[in-house]
Amino acid sequence: MSYPNYPNQPYPPQPPQPNPSNTLSIVGIVLGCVAFLFCPPLFGIAGIVCGVIANSKGERLAKTAIGVSAAGLIVGVILGIVAFQGVYGV
């Protein structure tokens, strides 16, 4: 019994596998949490950048890191404004 001779057919490209490491995502989440109380522009933006880089690498928690960092930035700035108005009565 002979088998038909098929030409070499390339395999279709596989979708990128998610990165099992969540290091940058966790760093982004921690920076977002720190941004609630300490220097929101610095830590919030750094957390968003870490989350975006983690998203481009396919990390599972990247979207969570972006959300937590954005919330830390926004809420931290609002808390800073409220505290500034309370202290200085502006």
N, C-alpha and C. Protein backbone atom coordinates (compact mmCIF):
# COMPACT_ATOMS: atom_id res chain seq x y z
N MET A 1 0.84 -1.16 0.00
CA MET A 1 0.00 0.00 0.00
C MET A 1 0.89 1.23 0.00
N SER A 2 0.59 2.16 -0.87
CA SER A 2 1.40 3.38 -0.92
C SER A 2 0.52 4.57 -0.56
N TYR A 3 1.16 5.53 0.06
CA TYR A 3 0.46 6.74 0.46
C TYR A 3 0.69 7.81 -0.60
N PRO A 4 -0.31 8.67 -0.80
CA PRO A 4 -0.11 9.73 -1.80
C PRO A 4 0.98 10.68 -1.33
N ASN A 5 1.69 11.22 -2.26
CA ASN A 5 2.78 12.13 -1.95
C ASN A 5 2.24 13.55 -1.87
N TYR A 6 2.15 14.09 -0.66
CA TYR A 6 1.68 15.45 -0.47
C TYR A 6 2.87 16.39 -0.44
N PRO A 7 2.74 17.55 -1.08
CA PRO A 7 3.85 18.51 -0.98
C PRO A 7 3.94 19.05 0.45
N ASN A 8 5.11 19.52 0.80
CA ASN A 8 5.29 20.10 2.14
C ASN A 8 4.42 21.34 2.28
N GLN A 9 3.52 21.26 3.21
CA GLN A 9 2.64 22.40 3.45
C GLN A 9 3.05 23.05 4.76
N PRO A 10 3.25 24.37 4.74
CA PRO A 10 3.67 25.04 5.98
C PRO A 10 2.52 25.05 6.99
N TYR A 11 2.91 24.99 8.23
CA TYR A 11 1.91 25.07 9.29
C TYR A 11 1.44 26.51 9.41
N PRO A 12 0.16 26.72 9.75
CA PRO A 12 -0.30 28.10 9.95
C PRO A 12 0.38 28.70 11.18
N PRO A 13 0.59 30.01 11.17
CA PRO A 13 1.26 30.62 12.33
C PRO A 13 0.42 30.46 13.60
N GLN A 14 1.09 30.12 14.66
CA GLN A 14 0.43 29.94 15.94
C GLN A 14 0.29 31.29 16.64
N PRO A 15 -0.83 31.50 17.35
CA PRO A 15 -0.95 32.75 18.11
C PRO A 15 0.09 32.78 19.22
N PRO A 16 0.54 33.98 19.59
CA PRO A 16 1.55 34.04 20.65
C PRO A 16 1.00 33.49 21.97
N GLN A 17 1.81 32.70 22.63
CA GLN A 17 1.41 32.13 23.91
C GLN A 17 1.54 33.19 24.99
N PRO A 18 0.59 33.23 25.93
CA PRO A 18 0.72 34.20 27.02
C PRO A 18 1.98 33.92 27.84
N ASN A 19 2.57 34.99 28.29
CA ASN A 19 3.79 34.88 29.08
C ASN A 19 3.43 34.36 30.47
N PRO A 20 4.03 33.27 30.91
CA PRO A 20 3.69 32.75 32.24
C PRO A 20 4.18 33.65 33.37
N SER A 21 5.11 34.53 33.07
CA SER A 21 5.62 35.44 34.09
C SER A 21 4.71 36.66 34.17
N ASN A 22 4.46 37.11 35.37
CA ASN A 22 3.65 38.32 35.58
C ASN A 22 4.44 39.39 36.31
N THR A 23 5.73 39.40 36.15
CA THR A 23 6.58 40.29 36.93
C THR A 23 6.25 41.76 36.69
N LEU A 24 6.21 42.19 35.44
CA LEU A 24 5.93 43.60 35.16
C LEU A 24 4.51 43.97 35.57
N SER A 25 3.58 43.04 35.43
CA SER A 25 2.21 43.32 35.85
C SER A 25 2.14 43.55 37.36
N ILE A 26 2.83 42.73 38.12
CA ILE A 26 2.82 42.88 39.57
C ILE A 26 3.50 44.17 39.98
N VAL A 27 4.60 44.52 39.32
CA VAL A 27 5.26 45.80 39.59
C VAL A 27 4.30 46.95 39.30
N GLY A 28 3.57 46.87 38.19
CA GLY A 28 2.60 47.91 37.85
C GLY A 28 1.48 48.02 38.89
N ILE A 29 1.00 46.88 39.39
CA ILE A 29 -0.05 46.90 40.41
C ILE A 29 0.47 47.54 41.70
N VAL A 30 1.68 47.18 42.10
CA VAL A 30 2.26 47.74 43.33
C VAL A 30 2.46 49.25 43.16
N LEU A 31 2.97 49.67 42.02
CA LEU A 31 3.15 51.12 41.78
C LEU A 31 1.82 51.85 41.79
N GLY A 32 0.78 51.23 41.25
CA GLY A 32 -0.55 51.85 41.29
C GLY A 32 -1.07 51.98 42.70
N CYS A 33 -0.83 50.98 43.54
CA CYS A 33 -1.27 51.06 44.94
C CYS A 33 -0.50 52.13 45.70
N VAL A 34 0.79 52.25 45.43
CA VAL A 34 1.61 53.27 46.09
C VAL A 34 1.16 54.66 45.65
N ALA A 35 0.68 54.76 44.40
CA ALA A 35 0.27 56.07 43.86
C ALA A 35 -0.95 56.64 44.58
N PHE A 36 -1.71 55.82 45.31
CA PHE A 36 -2.86 56.35 46.05
C PHE A 36 -2.42 57.38 47.08
N LEU A 37 -1.25 57.18 47.70
CA LEU A 37 -0.85 58.04 48.80
C LEU A 37 0.44 58.82 48.56
N PHE A 38 1.33 58.33 47.72
CA PHE A 38 2.63 58.97 47.56
C PHE A 38 2.87 59.33 46.10
N CYS A 39 3.03 60.61 45.83
CA CYS A 39 3.41 61.12 44.51
C CYS A 39 2.67 60.43 43.36
N PRO A 40 1.36 60.65 43.27
CA PRO A 40 0.57 59.96 42.24
C PRO A 40 1.06 60.14 40.81
N PRO A 41 1.50 61.35 40.40
CA PRO A 41 1.95 61.45 39.00
C PRO A 41 3.13 60.53 38.69
N LEU A 42 4.08 60.44 39.59
CA LEU A 42 5.26 59.62 39.34
C LEU A 42 4.93 58.12 39.36
N PHE A 43 4.34 57.66 40.45
CA PHE A 43 4.08 56.23 40.60
C PHE A 43 2.93 55.75 39.71
N GLY A 44 1.92 56.59 39.52
CA GLY A 44 0.80 56.22 38.65
C GLY A 44 1.23 56.05 37.21
N ILE A 45 1.99 57.00 36.70
CA ILE A 45 2.45 56.92 35.31
C ILE A 45 3.43 55.75 35.15
N ALA A 46 4.31 55.55 36.12
CA ALA A 46 5.24 54.42 36.04
C ALA A 46 4.49 53.10 36.05
N GLY A 47 3.43 52.99 36.83
CA GLY A 47 2.62 51.78 36.86
C GLY A 47 1.90 51.54 35.54
N ILE A 48 1.39 52.61 34.93
CA ILE A 48 0.72 52.48 33.63
C ILE A 48 1.72 52.02 32.57
N VAL A 49 2.92 52.59 32.60
CA VAL A 49 3.95 52.20 31.63
C VAL A 49 4.31 50.72 31.81
N CYS A 50 4.48 50.28 33.05
CA CYS A 50 4.78 48.86 33.31
C CYS A 50 3.63 47.97 32.82
N GLY A 51 2.40 48.42 33.03
CA GLY A 51 1.25 47.65 32.57
C GLY A 51 1.17 47.55 31.07
N VAL A 52 1.48 48.64 30.38
CA VAL A 52 1.44 48.62 28.91
C VAL A 52 2.54 47.71 28.36
N ILE A 53 3.73 47.79 28.94
CA ILE A 53 4.81 46.91 28.50
C ILE A 53 4.45 45.45 28.78
N ALA A 54 3.86 45.19 29.94
CA ALA A 54 3.45 43.83 30.27
C ALA A 54 2.37 43.34 29.30
N ASN A 55 1.49 44.23 28.89
CA ASN A 55 0.44 43.87 27.93
C ASN A 55 1.05 43.50 26.59
N SER A 56 2.07 44.24 26.17
CA SER A 56 2.71 43.92 24.90
C SER A 56 3.46 42.59 24.96
N LYS A 57 3.87 42.18 26.15
CA LYS A 57 4.55 40.89 26.32
C LYS A 57 3.56 39.75 26.56
N GLY A 58 2.27 40.07 26.66
CA GLY A 58 1.25 39.04 26.81
C GLY A 58 1.06 38.54 28.23
N GLU A 59 1.40 39.36 29.21
CA GLU A 59 1.21 38.92 30.60
C GLU A 59 -0.26 38.94 30.95
N ARG A 60 -0.66 37.98 31.78
CA ARG A 60 -2.06 37.77 32.12
C ARG A 60 -2.65 38.91 32.94
N LEU A 61 -1.89 39.51 33.84
CA LEU A 61 -2.40 40.54 34.75
C LEU A 61 -2.14 41.96 34.25
N ALA A 62 -1.79 42.12 32.99
CA ALA A 62 -1.41 43.44 32.47
C ALA A 62 -2.56 44.43 32.52
N LYS A 63 -3.74 44.01 32.14
CA LYS A 63 -4.89 44.93 32.14
C LYS A 63 -5.26 45.36 33.56
N THR A 64 -5.10 44.45 34.50
CA THR A 64 -5.33 44.80 35.90
C THR A 64 -4.32 45.84 36.37
N ALA A 65 -3.08 45.68 35.97
CA ALA A 65 -2.04 46.64 36.35
C ALA A 65 -2.33 48.02 35.78
N ILE A 66 -2.78 48.08 34.53
CA ILE A 66 -3.12 49.36 33.92
C ILE A 66 -4.29 50.00 34.66
N GLY A 67 -5.31 49.21 34.99
CA GLY A 67 -6.48 49.75 35.69
C GLY A 67 -6.16 50.24 37.08
N VAL A 68 -5.39 49.46 37.84
CA VAL A 68 -5.03 49.86 39.21
C VAL A 68 -4.15 51.11 39.18
N SER A 69 -3.23 51.18 38.24
CA SER A 69 -2.34 52.34 38.16
C SER A 69 -3.10 53.59 37.76
N ALA A 70 -4.03 53.45 36.81
CA ALA A 70 -4.83 54.60 36.41
C ALA A 70 -5.71 55.08 37.57
N ALA A 71 -6.31 54.13 38.29
CA ALA A 71 -7.13 54.50 39.45
C ALA A 71 -6.27 55.15 40.53
N GLY A 72 -5.07 54.60 40.76
CA GLY A 72 -4.17 55.20 41.75
C GLY A 72 -3.76 56.61 41.37
N LEU A 73 -3.53 56.83 40.10
CA LEU A 73 -3.17 58.17 39.62
C LEU A 73 -4.32 59.15 39.83
N ILE A 74 -5.51 58.77 39.41
CA ILE A 74 -6.66 59.68 39.49
C ILE A 74 -7.06 59.93 40.94
N VAL A 75 -7.22 58.87 41.72
CA VAL A 75 -7.66 59.03 43.11
C VAL A 75 -6.57 59.72 43.93
N GLY A 76 -5.31 59.41 43.66
CA GLY A 76 -4.22 60.07 44.37
C GLY A 76 -4.17 61.57 44.12
N VAL A 77 -4.39 61.97 42.87
CA VAL A 77 -4.41 63.41 42.56
C VAL A 77 -5.60 64.07 43.24
N ILE A 78 -6.76 63.43 43.22
CA ILE A 78 -7.95 64.01 43.87
C ILE A 78 -7.71 64.12 45.38
N LEU A 79 -7.16 63.09 45.99
CA LEU A 79 -6.86 63.16 47.43
C LEU A 79 -5.85 64.26 47.73
N GLY A 80 -4.87 64.43 46.87
CA GLY A 80 -3.89 65.49 47.05
C GLY A 80 -4.52 66.86 46.98
N ILE A 81 -5.42 67.06 46.03
CA ILE A 81 -6.11 68.35 45.90
C ILE A 81 -6.97 68.62 47.13
N VAL A 82 -7.70 67.61 47.58
CA VAL A 82 -8.56 67.77 48.76
C VAL A 82 -7.72 68.07 50.00
N ALA A 83 -6.61 67.36 50.16
CA ALA A 83 -5.73 67.61 51.31
C ALA A 83 -5.12 68.99 51.24
N PHE A 84 -4.72 69.42 50.06
CA PHE A 84 -4.13 70.76 49.90
C PHE A 84 -5.14 71.83 50.25
N GLN A 85 -6.37 71.67 49.81
CA GLN A 85 -7.41 72.64 50.13
C GLN A 85 -7.73 72.64 51.62
N GLY A 86 -7.70 71.48 52.25
CA GLY A 86 -7.99 71.41 53.67
C GLY A 86 -6.89 72.05 54.51
N VAL A 87 -5.64 71.90 54.10
CA VAL A 87 -4.54 72.45 54.88
C VAL A 87 -4.41 73.93 54.67
N TYR A 88 -4.50 74.38 53.44
CA TYR A 88 -4.27 75.79 53.13
C TYR A 88 -5.54 76.60 52.98
N GLY A 89 -6.69 75.97 53.01
CA GLY A 89 -7.96 76.68 52.95
C GLY A 89 -8.16 77.46 51.67
N VAL A 90 -7.67 76.93 50.58
CA VAL A 90 -7.78 77.63 49.28
C VAL A 90 -9.12 77.38 48.69
